[in-house]
Amino acid sequence: MPIHFPSLIVELTKPHQTLSRTKQLHSLLITTSHLPRDPFYATKITRFYALNGNLCSARNLFDRTPQPSVFLWNSIIRAYARAHKFYEALFMYKRMLGTEIRPDNFTYACLIRACHENFDIDSLRILHGGVVISGLGFDSVCCSALVTAYSKLNYVSEASIVFARICEPDLVLWNSMISCYSYCGFWSKGLKLFNEMRGDGKQQPDGFSLVGLISGLMEFNLLGIGQGIHGLCLKSGFDFNAYVGGALVSMYARFKCMSSAYNVFSSLSQPDLVAWSALITGYCQSGDHTKAMMLYRNLTIEGRRADPILIASILAAAAHLANLRPGVEIHGYVFRHGYESNIMVSSALINMYMKCGFVRWGIRVFDNTINKNAVSYNSIISGLGFNGISADAFKLFEEMLEQGLKPDESTFSALLCCCCHAGLVKDGWRIFKRMMEDFCIPASTEHYVHMVKLLGSAGQLEEAYNFILSSKQPVDNGIWGALLSCCDIYGNTKLAEIVSQQLFDNEPRKGAYRVMLSNIYAGEGRWDDAKKTRDNLLNAGGRKIPGVSWIGGGQS
């Protein structure tokens, strides 16, 4: 439908236009000669082009505008920044400095955000200097952007200095600093600042203030603090806020308090995707994959569109359940919504198919992945190893190196796991040494566990024990536990006693190790020692969880 000039202003005030509509508006402005007379029109059209991803047309229009205003400069800089073309955005900023137009607070805020998204601390400091020189050192928009950027790059002291220089920070700046402390792990400083804001009386906390506090509570021993903040949310009437509710669901899910997470979720009249994702991911991480799958179905029934993060989580649940049917359904959803190019999603699909035993389908997803990276290769290598196809896993590792991709800790964990499944001791040693010598990757606990299992499963228990003793780092109980399980397999009581003592010293109340040692004694007919070990388990405060029969439904 053609556009007549009287309706042009109405069209330009809309927040978004399709690309075809934008071109019609552009043509009309050219024919009516309004573009050169008023940069307002060029600014709006540039913005519409950028929102449709047509940066070439946006830039051409900008270059043909005789006297671009600060708003037009901001539009083209923001267009490049949103498209993650960081250096093009900086280039336009430098061009702007060579004109009579001066950058304003929104120019700097946009570029500062681009700096932390691009992890460029040097450019951030240069822009910070530009802010000060421009006389915007006390501007709330610029300071909030600086505080957020420094916090995202873990420069807390710099963020604190920016905040401290503002005599009367507004609510946005208070919230930025509270979120900074939370993001960087200084939850106590964030809580102290929150109380200062409340005591100051000039600014009252809002939902963003509370979310900033809640997001910083990561360790289980902070559950009491989180419950206290939850109580404050109830008193302040923020418990029905979807943003705050989503943060509370995420917090309880992190602490694996899924009943509390579900109660908060149920209290929300319209939970957003963040709340849904937090609850479903929480159930996945807590091991209740069936509940996670049920909630995902409810999400799709309501017509909500899952994002790649949620899809990856629910595919992991399908993999744990080794349930192909929902995995295939989710694959169809991925295909319909164009998520197949997302590396996180494609890697989760590979993992799901491999865990369900459908190796060819996993390989097909890998082959169809366009921009493969280390995560993609790690997924396929791990999947092939899981299914005992170690030769193909090694070939893909070499292919990965030929593609110029750098392996990481997970790559070598996957390779060592391959060796464990196939019993390839020599290959395991070769990979372990290559990891440290050729790629300078220090061995983690997971790598040691794989090597101990590999050696122990091959009956080389003494070699595994000496290998543990050669470690230059403190030995994790998982490593000793791996060796103890191998001693159980081969009935090596002498070594089992030595290893068990290490475990008892480190975790005296954990009963699983004592039960394992007791079983080893029983296997050799040493019933007195077996009973004594079980008695010590009760004296140490441990308790064996009784087994449950699926047939009779009773305890065994």
Protein backbone atom coordinates (compact mmCIF):
# COMPACT_ATOMS: atom_id res chain seq x y z
CA MET A 1 0.00 0.00 0.00
CA PRO A 2 1.52 3.39 -1.00
CA ILE A 3 2.36 5.88 1.73
CA HIS A 4 1.11 9.46 1.46
CA PHE A 5 3.08 12.22 3.10
CA PRO A 6 0.41 13.20 5.72
CA SER A 7 0.73 9.75 7.28
CA LEU A 8 4.54 9.77 7.10
CA ILE A 9 5.07 11.21 10.59
CA VAL A 10 2.77 8.59 12.08
CA GLU A 11 4.77 5.85 10.34
CA LEU A 12 8.06 7.26 11.60
CA THR A 13 6.90 7.39 15.22
CA LYS A 14 6.36 3.61 15.28
CA PRO A 15 9.06 1.63 17.14
CA HIS A 16 9.66 -0.78 14.27
CA GLN A 17 9.01 -1.15 10.55
CA THR A 18 9.58 -4.07 8.21
CA LEU A 19 12.40 -3.78 5.68
CA SER A 20 10.01 -3.35 2.74
CA ARG A 21 8.08 -0.63 4.63
CA THR A 22 11.35 1.08 5.52
CA LYS A 23 12.35 1.19 1.86
CA GLN A 24 8.97 2.72 0.96
CA LEU A 25 9.43 5.41 3.61
CA HIS A 26 12.96 6.05 2.40
CA SER A 27 11.77 6.44 -1.20
CA LEU A 28 9.03 8.86 -0.21
CA LEU A 29 11.46 11.02 1.77
CA ILE A 30 13.83 11.14 -1.21
CA THR A 31 11.08 12.18 -3.64
CA THR A 32 9.79 14.87 -1.26
CA SER A 33 13.34 16.19 -0.57
CA HIS A 34 12.87 15.93 3.20
CA LEU A 35 16.01 13.87 3.88
CA PRO A 36 18.60 16.63 3.28
CA ARG A 37 16.53 19.30 5.05
CA ASP A 38 15.98 17.59 8.41
CA PRO A 39 18.29 14.87 9.88
CA PHE A 40 15.34 13.67 11.98
CA TYR A 41 14.06 11.69 9.01
CA ALA A 42 17.46 10.16 8.26
CA THR A 43 17.80 9.17 11.92
CA LYS A 44 14.49 7.28 11.93
CA ILE A 45 15.16 5.51 8.62
CA THR A 46 18.69 4.59 9.73
CA ARG A 47 17.26 3.08 12.90
CA PHE A 48 14.67 1.05 10.96
CA TYR A 49 17.36 -0.29 8.61
CA ALA A 50 19.51 -1.27 11.58
CA LEU A 51 16.64 -3.05 13.34
CA ASN A 52 16.14 -5.11 10.18
CA GLY A 53 19.85 -5.99 10.05
CA ASN A 54 20.47 -3.98 6.86
CA LEU A 55 23.58 -2.12 8.02
CA CYS A 56 24.73 -1.44 4.46
CA SER A 57 21.64 0.67 3.68
CA ALA A 58 21.86 2.37 7.09
CA ARG A 59 25.48 3.35 6.46
CA ASN A 60 24.77 4.55 2.90
CA LEU A 61 21.98 6.78 4.17
CA PHE A 62 24.22 8.14 6.92
CA ASP A 63 27.07 8.91 4.50
CA ARG A 64 24.69 10.78 2.17
CA THR A 65 23.27 12.99 4.91
CA PRO A 66 24.98 16.43 4.61
CA GLN A 67 24.85 17.52 8.25
CA PRO A 68 24.20 14.54 10.56
CA SER A 69 22.97 15.44 14.02
CA VAL A 70 24.19 13.83 17.25
CA PHE A 71 21.07 11.64 17.12
CA LEU A 72 22.01 10.33 13.67
CA TRP A 73 25.58 9.68 14.81
CA ASN A 74 24.22 7.79 17.80
CA SER A 75 21.91 5.76 15.55
CA ILE A 76 24.71 4.51 13.30
CA ILE A 77 27.06 3.84 16.24
CA ARG A 78 24.31 1.95 18.07
CA ALA A 79 23.53 -0.01 14.90
CA TYR A 80 27.10 -1.30 14.67
CA ALA A 81 27.32 -1.97 18.40
CA ARG A 82 24.08 -4.00 18.45
CA ALA A 83 25.33 -6.04 15.49
CA HIS A 84 28.50 -6.78 17.52
CA LYS A 85 30.62 -4.86 14.99
CA PHE A 86 32.62 -3.30 17.78
CA TYR A 87 35.49 -1.82 15.80
CA GLU A 88 33.17 -0.25 13.22
CA ALA A 89 31.31 1.45 16.10
CA LEU A 90 34.60 2.77 17.52
CA PHE A 91 35.65 3.94 14.06
CA MET A 92 32.46 5.98 13.71
CA TYR A 93 33.03 7.46 17.17
CA LYS A 94 36.53 8.58 16.15
CA ARG A 95 35.09 10.11 12.96
CA MET A 96 32.53 11.93 15.07
CA LEU A 97 35.31 13.47 17.20
CA GLY A 98 36.70 15.07 14.02
CA THR A 99 33.47 16.99 13.40
CA GLU A 100 31.72 19.87 15.12
CA ILE A 101 29.22 17.46 16.70
CA ARG A 102 30.17 16.39 20.24
CA PRO A 103 29.30 12.95 21.62
CA ASP A 104 26.60 13.01 24.30
CA ASN A 105 25.90 10.69 27.24
CA PHE A 106 24.01 8.19 25.06
CA THR A 107 26.93 7.99 22.61
CA TYR A 108 29.27 7.03 25.42
CA ALA A 109 26.79 4.69 27.12
CA CYS A 110 26.37 2.71 23.90
CA LEU A 111 30.13 2.44 23.29
CA ILE A 112 30.87 1.58 26.92
CA ARG A 113 28.41 -1.30 26.78
CA ALA A 114 30.06 -2.50 23.56
CA CYS A 115 33.41 -2.50 25.36
CA HIS A 116 32.35 -4.89 28.09
CA GLU A 117 30.55 -7.10 25.56
CA ASN A 118 33.82 -7.28 23.61
CA PHE A 119 35.96 -7.70 26.79
CA ASP A 120 38.05 -4.66 25.80
CA ILE A 121 39.27 -2.99 28.99
CA ASP A 122 41.74 -0.72 27.14
CA SER A 123 39.05 0.85 24.95
CA LEU A 124 36.81 1.15 28.01
CA ARG A 125 39.44 3.20 29.82
CA ILE A 126 39.93 5.41 26.77
CA LEU A 127 36.18 6.04 26.60
CA HIS A 128 36.13 6.71 30.34
CA GLY A 129 38.71 9.44 29.69
CA GLY A 130 36.51 10.79 26.91
CA VAL A 131 33.56 10.94 29.31
CA VAL A 132 35.56 12.99 31.80
CA ILE A 133 36.97 15.34 29.14
CA SER A 134 33.47 15.89 27.72
CA GLY A 135 32.26 17.07 31.13
CA LEU A 136 30.04 14.01 31.58
CA GLY A 137 31.96 12.56 34.52
CA PHE A 138 28.97 13.09 36.83
CA ASP A 139 26.27 12.14 34.34
CA SER A 140 24.07 9.33 35.65
CA VAL A 141 23.69 7.57 32.29
CA CYS A 142 27.45 7.48 31.66
CA CYS A 143 28.33 6.53 35.23
CA SER A 144 25.79 3.70 35.33
CA ALA A 145 27.20 2.37 32.06
CA LEU A 146 30.77 2.60 33.42
CA VAL A 147 29.89 0.84 36.67
CA THR A 148 28.17 -1.97 34.77
CA ALA A 149 31.03 -2.32 32.26
CA TYR A 150 33.76 -2.40 34.91
CA SER A 151 31.80 -4.97 36.93
CA LYS A 152 31.29 -7.24 33.90
CA LEU A 153 35.05 -7.17 33.38
CA ASN A 154 35.67 -7.82 37.13
CA TYR A 155 37.24 -4.41 37.79
CA VAL A 156 35.32 -3.78 41.00
CA SER A 157 37.63 -1.10 42.41
CA GLU A 158 37.26 1.03 39.25
CA ALA A 159 33.47 0.69 39.44
CA SER A 160 33.55 1.70 43.11
CA ILE A 161 35.60 4.83 42.30
CA VAL A 162 33.09 5.91 39.64
CA PHE A 163 30.20 5.40 42.06
CA ALA A 164 31.93 7.16 44.99
CA ARG A 165 32.45 10.35 42.99
CA ILE A 166 28.71 10.92 42.57
CA CYS A 167 27.34 12.98 45.45
CA GLU A 168 23.70 12.07 44.93
CA PRO A 169 23.46 8.88 42.87
CA ASP A 170 20.07 8.13 41.37
CA LEU A 171 18.31 4.78 41.67
CA VAL A 172 19.80 3.45 38.42
CA LEU A 173 23.33 4.12 39.66
CA TRP A 174 22.63 2.57 43.08
CA ASN A 175 21.27 -0.52 41.36
CA SER A 176 24.25 -0.70 39.01
CA MET A 177 26.70 -0.70 41.91
CA ILE A 178 24.71 -3.26 43.92
CA SER A 179 24.60 -5.52 40.85
CA CYS A 180 28.33 -4.96 40.36
CA TYR A 181 29.14 -6.30 43.82
CA SER A 182 26.77 -9.24 43.36
CA TYR A 183 28.11 -10.11 39.90
CA CYS A 184 31.70 -10.12 41.14
CA GLY A 185 30.94 -12.25 44.20
CA PHE A 186 30.98 -9.53 46.90
CA TRP A 187 27.44 -10.18 48.09
CA SER A 188 28.14 -8.74 51.59
CA LYS A 189 29.25 -5.40 50.09
CA GLY A 190 26.16 -5.41 47.91
CA LEU A 191 23.97 -6.00 50.96
CA LYS A 192 25.73 -3.23 52.87
CA LEU A 193 25.24 -0.81 49.98
CA PHE A 194 21.58 -1.82 49.75
CA ASN A 195 21.11 -0.98 53.44
CA GLU A 196 22.90 2.35 52.93
CA MET A 197 20.47 3.21 50.14
CA ARG A 198 17.50 2.39 52.36
CA GLY A 199 19.00 4.38 55.26
CA ASP A 200 19.75 7.37 53.04
CA GLY A 201 16.02 7.80 52.43
CA LYS A 202 16.45 9.69 49.15
CA GLN A 203 16.05 6.58 47.03
CA GLN A 204 13.81 3.63 47.73
CA PRO A 205 14.80 0.18 46.42
CA ASP A 206 12.85 -1.22 43.51
CA GLY A 207 12.67 -4.66 41.93
CA PHE A 208 16.03 -4.21 40.18
CA SER A 209 17.69 -3.49 43.53
CA LEU A 210 16.39 -6.75 44.97
CA VAL A 211 17.30 -8.74 41.87
CA GLY A 212 20.83 -7.35 42.10
CA LEU A 213 21.09 -8.68 45.66
CA ILE A 214 19.52 -12.05 44.92
CA SER A 215 21.72 -12.71 41.89
CA GLY A 216 24.89 -12.56 44.01
CA LEU A 217 23.89 -15.40 46.34
CA MET A 218 25.62 -18.41 44.85
CA GLU A 219 26.73 -20.63 47.75
CA PHE A 220 24.38 -22.87 49.71
CA ASN A 221 25.45 -21.40 53.07
CA LEU A 222 23.83 -18.12 51.95
CA LEU A 223 20.38 -19.70 51.82
CA GLY A 224 19.39 -17.93 55.06
CA ILE A 225 20.36 -14.55 53.57
CA GLY A 226 18.33 -15.37 50.48
CA GLN A 227 15.30 -16.30 52.55
CA GLY A 228 15.63 -13.00 54.42
CA ILE A 229 15.66 -11.07 51.14
CA HIS A 230 12.67 -13.13 50.02
CA GLY A 231 10.88 -11.99 53.17
CA LEU A 232 11.71 -8.37 52.34
CA CYS A 233 10.26 -8.93 48.86
CA LEU A 234 7.03 -10.15 50.46
CA LYS A 235 6.83 -7.15 52.80
CA SER A 236 7.59 -4.70 49.98
CA GLY A 237 5.03 -6.23 47.63
CA PHE A 238 7.62 -7.23 45.03
CA ASP A 239 6.87 -10.95 45.26
CA PHE A 240 4.35 -10.69 42.40
CA ASN A 241 6.85 -8.91 40.17
CA ALA A 242 7.82 -11.33 37.37
CA TYR A 243 11.41 -10.05 37.27
CA VAL A 244 11.91 -10.44 41.04
CA GLY A 245 10.02 -13.74 41.04
CA GLY A 246 12.27 -15.11 38.31
CA ALA A 247 15.36 -14.15 40.32
CA LEU A 248 13.95 -15.88 43.44
CA VAL A 249 13.18 -19.03 41.45
CA SER A 250 16.76 -18.98 40.09
CA MET A 251 18.17 -18.52 43.60
CA TYR A 252 16.25 -21.44 45.13
CA ALA A 253 17.07 -23.59 42.09
CA ARG A 254 20.79 -22.83 42.55
CA PHE A 255 20.49 -23.99 46.15
CA LYS A 256 18.56 -27.08 44.92
CA CYS A 257 15.59 -26.08 47.13
CA MET A 258 13.17 -27.06 44.41
CA SER A 259 10.03 -27.05 46.58
CA SER A 260 10.67 -23.39 47.45
CA ALA A 261 11.48 -22.61 43.83
CA TYR A 262 8.24 -24.22 42.70
CA ASN A 263 6.21 -22.35 45.34
CA VAL A 264 7.58 -19.00 44.19
CA PHE A 265 6.98 -19.95 40.55
CA SER A 266 3.38 -20.99 41.32
CA SER A 267 2.71 -17.65 43.02
CA LEU A 268 3.50 -15.72 39.82
CA SER A 269 0.41 -14.92 37.78
CA GLN A 270 2.39 -14.69 34.54
CA PRO A 271 5.87 -16.17 34.96
CA ASP A 272 8.24 -15.03 32.22
CA LEU A 273 10.68 -17.20 30.30
CA VAL A 274 13.42 -16.51 32.87
CA ALA A 275 11.30 -18.04 35.63
CA TRP A 276 10.34 -21.02 33.47
CA SER A 277 13.97 -21.60 32.46
CA ALA A 278 15.22 -21.29 36.04
CA LEU A 279 12.69 -23.83 37.34
CA ILE A 280 13.22 -26.35 34.53
CA THR A 281 17.02 -26.03 34.68
CA GLY A 282 16.87 -26.36 38.46
CA TYR A 283 15.02 -29.67 38.21
CA CYS A 284 17.55 -30.85 35.61
CA GLN A 285 20.50 -30.01 37.87
CA SER A 286 18.77 -31.60 40.86
CA GLY A 287 18.39 -34.86 38.95
CA ASP A 288 14.60 -34.74 38.60
CA HIS A 289 14.66 -34.93 34.81
CA THR A 290 11.12 -36.30 34.55
CA LYS A 291 9.73 -33.23 36.32
CA ALA A 292 11.82 -30.99 34.06
CA MET A 293 10.37 -32.67 30.96
CA MET A 294 6.82 -32.28 32.29
CA LEU A 295 7.32 -28.55 32.92
CA TYR A 296 8.81 -28.10 29.45
CA ARG A 297 5.67 -29.64 27.94
CA ASN A 298 3.54 -27.23 29.97
CA LEU A 299 5.66 -24.36 28.67
CA THR A 300 5.09 -25.35 25.05
CA ILE A 301 1.37 -25.96 25.64
CA GLU A 302 1.08 -22.33 26.81
CA GLY A 303 2.62 -21.26 23.52
CA ARG A 304 5.82 -19.89 25.04
CA ARG A 305 8.93 -19.93 22.86
CA ALA A 306 11.89 -21.58 24.56
CA ASP A 307 15.31 -19.98 24.07
CA PRO A 308 18.53 -21.88 23.19
CA ILE A 309 19.65 -22.05 26.85
CA LEU A 310 16.43 -23.74 27.94
CA ILE A 311 16.47 -26.08 24.94
CA ALA A 312 20.03 -27.18 25.79
CA SER A 313 18.96 -27.89 29.39
CA ILE A 314 15.92 -29.95 28.42
CA LEU A 315 17.95 -31.90 25.85
CA ALA A 316 20.36 -32.74 28.67
CA ALA A 317 17.38 -34.07 30.65
CA ALA A 318 16.32 -36.24 27.71
CA ALA A 319 19.91 -37.52 27.47
CA HIS A 320 19.96 -38.45 31.17
CA LEU A 321 16.66 -40.29 30.79
CA ALA A 322 17.95 -41.93 27.57
CA ASN A 323 14.50 -41.09 26.20
CA LEU A 324 14.69 -40.56 22.46
CA ARG A 325 11.07 -39.57 21.78
CA PRO A 326 11.07 -36.17 23.56
CA GLY A 327 14.57 -35.56 22.24
CA VAL A 328 13.36 -36.00 18.66
CA GLU A 329 10.36 -33.75 19.34
CA ILE A 330 12.68 -31.05 20.67
CA HIS A 331 14.90 -31.51 17.60
CA GLY A 332 11.85 -30.75 15.46
CA TYR A 333 11.17 -27.64 17.55
CA VAL A 334 14.80 -26.58 17.07
CA PHE A 335 14.51 -27.00 13.31
CA ARG A 336 11.20 -25.10 13.08
CA HIS A 337 12.54 -22.11 15.02
CA GLY A 338 15.94 -21.91 13.33
CA TYR A 339 18.03 -22.85 16.36
CA GLU A 340 20.01 -25.59 14.61
CA SER A 341 22.90 -23.18 13.95
CA ASN A 342 23.27 -22.41 17.66
CA ILE A 343 26.38 -24.22 18.90
CA MET A 344 24.98 -24.81 22.38
CA VAL A 345 21.82 -26.41 20.96
CA SER A 346 23.59 -28.52 18.33
CA SER A 347 26.07 -29.79 20.94
CA ALA A 348 23.19 -30.72 23.25
CA LEU A 349 21.50 -32.56 20.36
CA ILE A 350 24.70 -34.51 19.67
CA ASN A 351 24.96 -35.44 23.34
CA MET A 352 21.30 -36.49 23.48
CA TYR A 353 21.49 -38.77 20.46
CA MET A 354 24.77 -40.30 21.63
CA LYS A 355 23.46 -40.97 25.15
CA CYS A 356 20.36 -42.61 23.63
CA GLY A 357 22.59 -44.85 21.51
CA PHE A 358 21.71 -43.30 18.13
CA VAL A 359 25.27 -42.62 17.05
CA ARG A 360 24.53 -42.00 13.37
CA TRP A 361 22.00 -39.30 14.20
CA GLY A 362 24.50 -37.60 16.51
CA ILE A 363 27.14 -37.69 13.76
CA ARG A 364 24.58 -36.28 11.28
CA VAL A 365 23.87 -33.31 13.58
CA PHE A 366 27.62 -32.73 13.94
CA ASP A 367 28.19 -32.90 10.16
CA ASN A 368 25.35 -30.42 9.57
CA THR A 369 26.70 -27.93 12.13
CA ILE A 370 27.97 -24.98 10.09
CA ASN A 371 30.41 -23.15 12.38
CA LYS A 372 31.94 -25.97 14.40
CA ASN A 373 34.01 -24.97 17.42
CA ALA A 374 35.74 -26.73 20.31
CA VAL A 375 32.39 -27.31 22.07
CA SER A 376 31.02 -29.13 18.99
CA TYR A 377 34.08 -31.36 18.75
CA ASN A 378 34.06 -32.05 22.50
CA SER A 379 30.44 -33.24 22.26
CA ILE A 380 31.02 -35.63 19.37
CA ILE A 381 34.31 -36.97 20.79
CA SER A 382 32.66 -37.59 24.16
CA GLY A 383 29.65 -39.25 22.51
CA LEU A 384 31.78 -41.56 20.38
CA GLY A 385 33.84 -42.52 23.43
CA PHE A 386 30.66 -43.18 25.42
CA ASN A 387 29.59 -45.64 22.72
CA GLY A 388 33.02 -47.30 22.57
CA ILE A 389 34.00 -45.91 19.15
CA SER A 390 37.39 -44.62 20.29
CA ALA A 391 39.16 -44.80 16.90
CA ASP A 392 36.72 -42.34 15.31
CA ALA A 393 36.98 -40.10 18.41
CA PHE A 394 40.78 -39.90 17.98
CA LYS A 395 40.37 -39.11 14.27
CA LEU A 396 38.02 -36.24 15.06
CA PHE A 397 40.51 -34.91 17.60
CA GLU A 398 43.17 -34.75 14.88
CA GLU A 399 40.64 -33.14 12.53
CA MET A 400 39.93 -30.56 15.23
CA LEU A 401 43.62 -29.66 15.39
CA GLU A 402 43.85 -29.46 11.59
CA GLN A 403 40.97 -26.97 11.63
CA GLY A 404 43.06 -24.72 13.89
CA LEU A 405 40.81 -25.19 16.92
CA LYS A 406 42.46 -25.22 20.32
CA PRO A 407 41.53 -28.13 22.60
CA ASP A 408 40.60 -27.38 26.21
CA GLU A 409 40.20 -29.30 29.46
CA SER A 410 36.90 -30.78 28.32
CA THR A 411 38.47 -32.08 25.11
CA PHE A 412 41.04 -34.12 27.00
CA SER A 413 38.46 -35.28 29.55
CA ALA A 414 36.42 -36.64 26.62
CA LEU A 415 39.50 -38.34 25.13
CA LEU A 416 40.53 -39.90 28.44
CA CYS A 417 36.96 -41.07 28.96
CA CYS A 418 37.21 -42.76 25.52
CA CYS A 419 40.31 -44.57 26.70
CA CYS A 420 38.52 -45.69 29.88
CA HIS A 421 35.60 -47.18 27.95
CA ALA A 422 37.92 -49.00 25.55
CA GLY A 423 40.65 -49.92 28.09
CA LEU A 424 43.36 -48.14 26.07
CA VAL A 425 46.05 -47.64 28.71
CA LYS A 426 48.89 -46.66 26.34
CA ASP A 427 46.69 -44.18 24.49
CA GLY A 428 45.55 -42.76 27.82
CA TRP A 429 49.12 -42.12 28.93
CA ARG A 430 49.94 -40.56 25.55
CA ILE A 431 46.95 -38.20 25.69
CA PHE A 432 47.57 -37.26 29.34
CA LYS A 433 51.21 -36.33 28.63
CA ARG A 434 50.32 -34.54 25.41
CA MET A 435 47.74 -32.44 27.24
CA MET A 436 50.33 -31.07 29.67
CA GLU A 437 53.43 -30.98 27.46
CA ASP A 438 52.07 -29.94 24.05
CA PHE A 439 49.08 -27.83 25.10
CA CYS A 440 50.19 -26.68 28.59
CA ILE A 441 46.85 -27.64 30.14
CA PRO A 442 47.27 -28.58 33.82
CA ALA A 443 45.61 -31.84 34.86
CA SER A 444 42.37 -31.33 36.78
CA THR A 445 40.65 -33.67 39.23
CA GLU A 446 38.53 -35.05 36.38
CA HIS A 447 41.62 -35.95 34.35
CA TYR A 448 43.15 -37.75 37.34
CA VAL A 449 39.93 -39.66 37.97
CA HIS A 450 39.86 -40.86 34.35
CA MET A 451 43.52 -41.96 34.51
CA VAL A 452 43.04 -43.76 37.83
CA LYS A 453 39.97 -45.57 36.49
CA LEU A 454 41.86 -46.47 33.31
CA LEU A 455 44.85 -47.91 35.20
CA GLY A 456 42.74 -49.50 37.91
CA SER A 457 40.32 -51.14 35.49
CA ALA A 458 43.32 -52.68 33.72
CA GLY A 459 44.46 -54.18 37.03
CA GLN A 460 47.39 -51.77 37.40
CA LEU A 461 46.43 -50.78 40.93
CA GLU A 462 49.96 -50.06 42.16
CA GLU A 463 50.63 -47.87 39.13
CA ALA A 464 47.39 -45.99 39.81
CA TYR A 465 48.38 -45.49 43.47
CA ASN A 466 51.84 -44.18 42.55
CA PHE A 467 50.27 -41.97 39.90
CA ILE A 468 48.09 -40.34 42.57
CA LEU A 469 51.10 -39.83 44.86
CA SER A 470 52.98 -38.09 42.02
CA SER A 471 50.33 -35.36 41.86
CA LYS A 472 51.69 -31.93 42.73
CA GLN A 473 48.27 -30.68 43.81
CA PRO A 474 46.09 -31.75 46.77
CA VAL A 475 44.35 -35.02 45.94
CA ASP A 476 40.58 -34.77 45.75
CA ASN A 477 38.47 -37.49 47.39
CA GLY A 478 36.99 -38.32 44.01
CA ILE A 479 40.42 -39.54 42.88
CA TRP A 480 40.89 -41.75 45.97
CA GLY A 481 37.31 -42.98 45.57
CA ALA A 482 38.00 -44.03 41.97
CA LEU A 483 40.98 -46.10 43.13
CA LEU A 484 38.96 -47.65 45.97
CA SER A 485 36.27 -48.81 43.53
CA CYS A 486 39.00 -50.46 41.43
CA CYS A 487 40.35 -52.18 44.57
CA ASP A 488 36.82 -53.48 45.14
CA ILE A 489 36.72 -54.95 41.62
CA TYR A 490 40.03 -56.76 42.01
CA GLY A 491 39.69 -57.57 45.73
CA ASN A 492 42.96 -55.85 46.69
CA THR A 493 42.33 -55.54 50.43
CA LYS A 494 45.76 -54.24 51.36
CA LEU A 495 45.63 -51.24 49.04
CA ALA A 496 41.94 -50.71 49.80
CA GLU A 497 42.80 -50.23 53.48
CA ILE A 498 45.46 -47.62 52.64
CA VAL A 499 43.14 -45.73 50.30
CA SER A 500 40.21 -45.96 52.71
CA GLN A 501 42.24 -44.41 55.49
CA GLN A 502 42.92 -41.39 53.28
CA LEU A 503 39.19 -41.06 52.63
CA PHE A 504 38.22 -41.53 56.29
CA ASP A 505 40.67 -38.81 57.32
CA ASN A 506 39.24 -36.39 54.76
CA GLU A 507 35.54 -37.22 55.15
CA PRO A 508 34.98 -39.15 58.39
CA ARG A 509 31.17 -38.89 58.19
CA LYS A 510 30.76 -40.15 54.62
CA GLY A 511 29.50 -43.72 54.79
CA ALA A 512 29.84 -44.81 51.15
CA TYR A 513 33.59 -45.45 51.48
CA ARG A 514 33.16 -47.53 54.64
CA VAL A 515 30.44 -49.57 52.97
CA MET A 516 32.74 -50.23 50.03
CA LEU A 517 35.58 -51.33 52.30
CA SER A 518 33.17 -53.54 54.24
CA ASN A 519 32.11 -55.21 50.98
CA ILE A 520 35.75 -55.83 50.09
CA TYR A 521 36.30 -57.55 53.46
CA ALA A 522 33.14 -59.60 52.99
CA GLY A 523 34.32 -60.67 49.53
CA GLU A 524 37.42 -62.21 51.16
CA GLY A 525 35.41 -63.81 53.94
CA ARG A 526 36.74 -61.42 56.62
CA TRP A 527 33.37 -61.13 58.32
CA ASP A 528 34.68 -59.69 61.58
CA ASP A 529 36.45 -56.85 59.76
CA ALA A 530 33.35 -56.27 57.64
CA LYS A 531 31.16 -55.98 60.74
CA LYS A 532 33.68 -53.75 62.50
CA THR A 533 33.74 -51.40 59.51
CA ARG A 534 29.93 -51.25 59.46
CA ASP A 535 29.89 -50.53 63.19
CA ASN A 536 32.42 -47.71 62.69
CA LEU A 537 30.09 -46.31 60.05
CA LEU A 538 27.32 -45.93 62.64
CA ASN A 539 29.70 -44.55 65.27
CA ALA A 540 30.94 -41.92 62.80
CA GLY A 541 27.37 -40.72 62.32
CA GLY A 542 26.99 -42.12 58.83
CA ARG A 543 23.97 -44.06 57.62
CA LYS A 544 23.49 -46.32 54.65
CA ILE A 545 20.34 -45.50 52.71
CA PRO A 546 18.27 -48.69 52.45
CA GLY A 547 17.77 -50.11 48.99
CA VAL A 548 14.32 -50.05 47.38
CA SER A 549 12.96 -52.87 45.23
CA TRP A 550 11.15 -51.84 42.05
CA ILE A 551 9.34 -55.19 42.07
CA GLY A 552 8.02 -55.46 45.58
CA GLY A 553 8.02 -51.73 46.30
CA GLY A 554 9.57 -52.37 49.72
CA GLN A 555 12.97 -51.77 51.24
CA SER A 556 15.71 -54.36 50.91
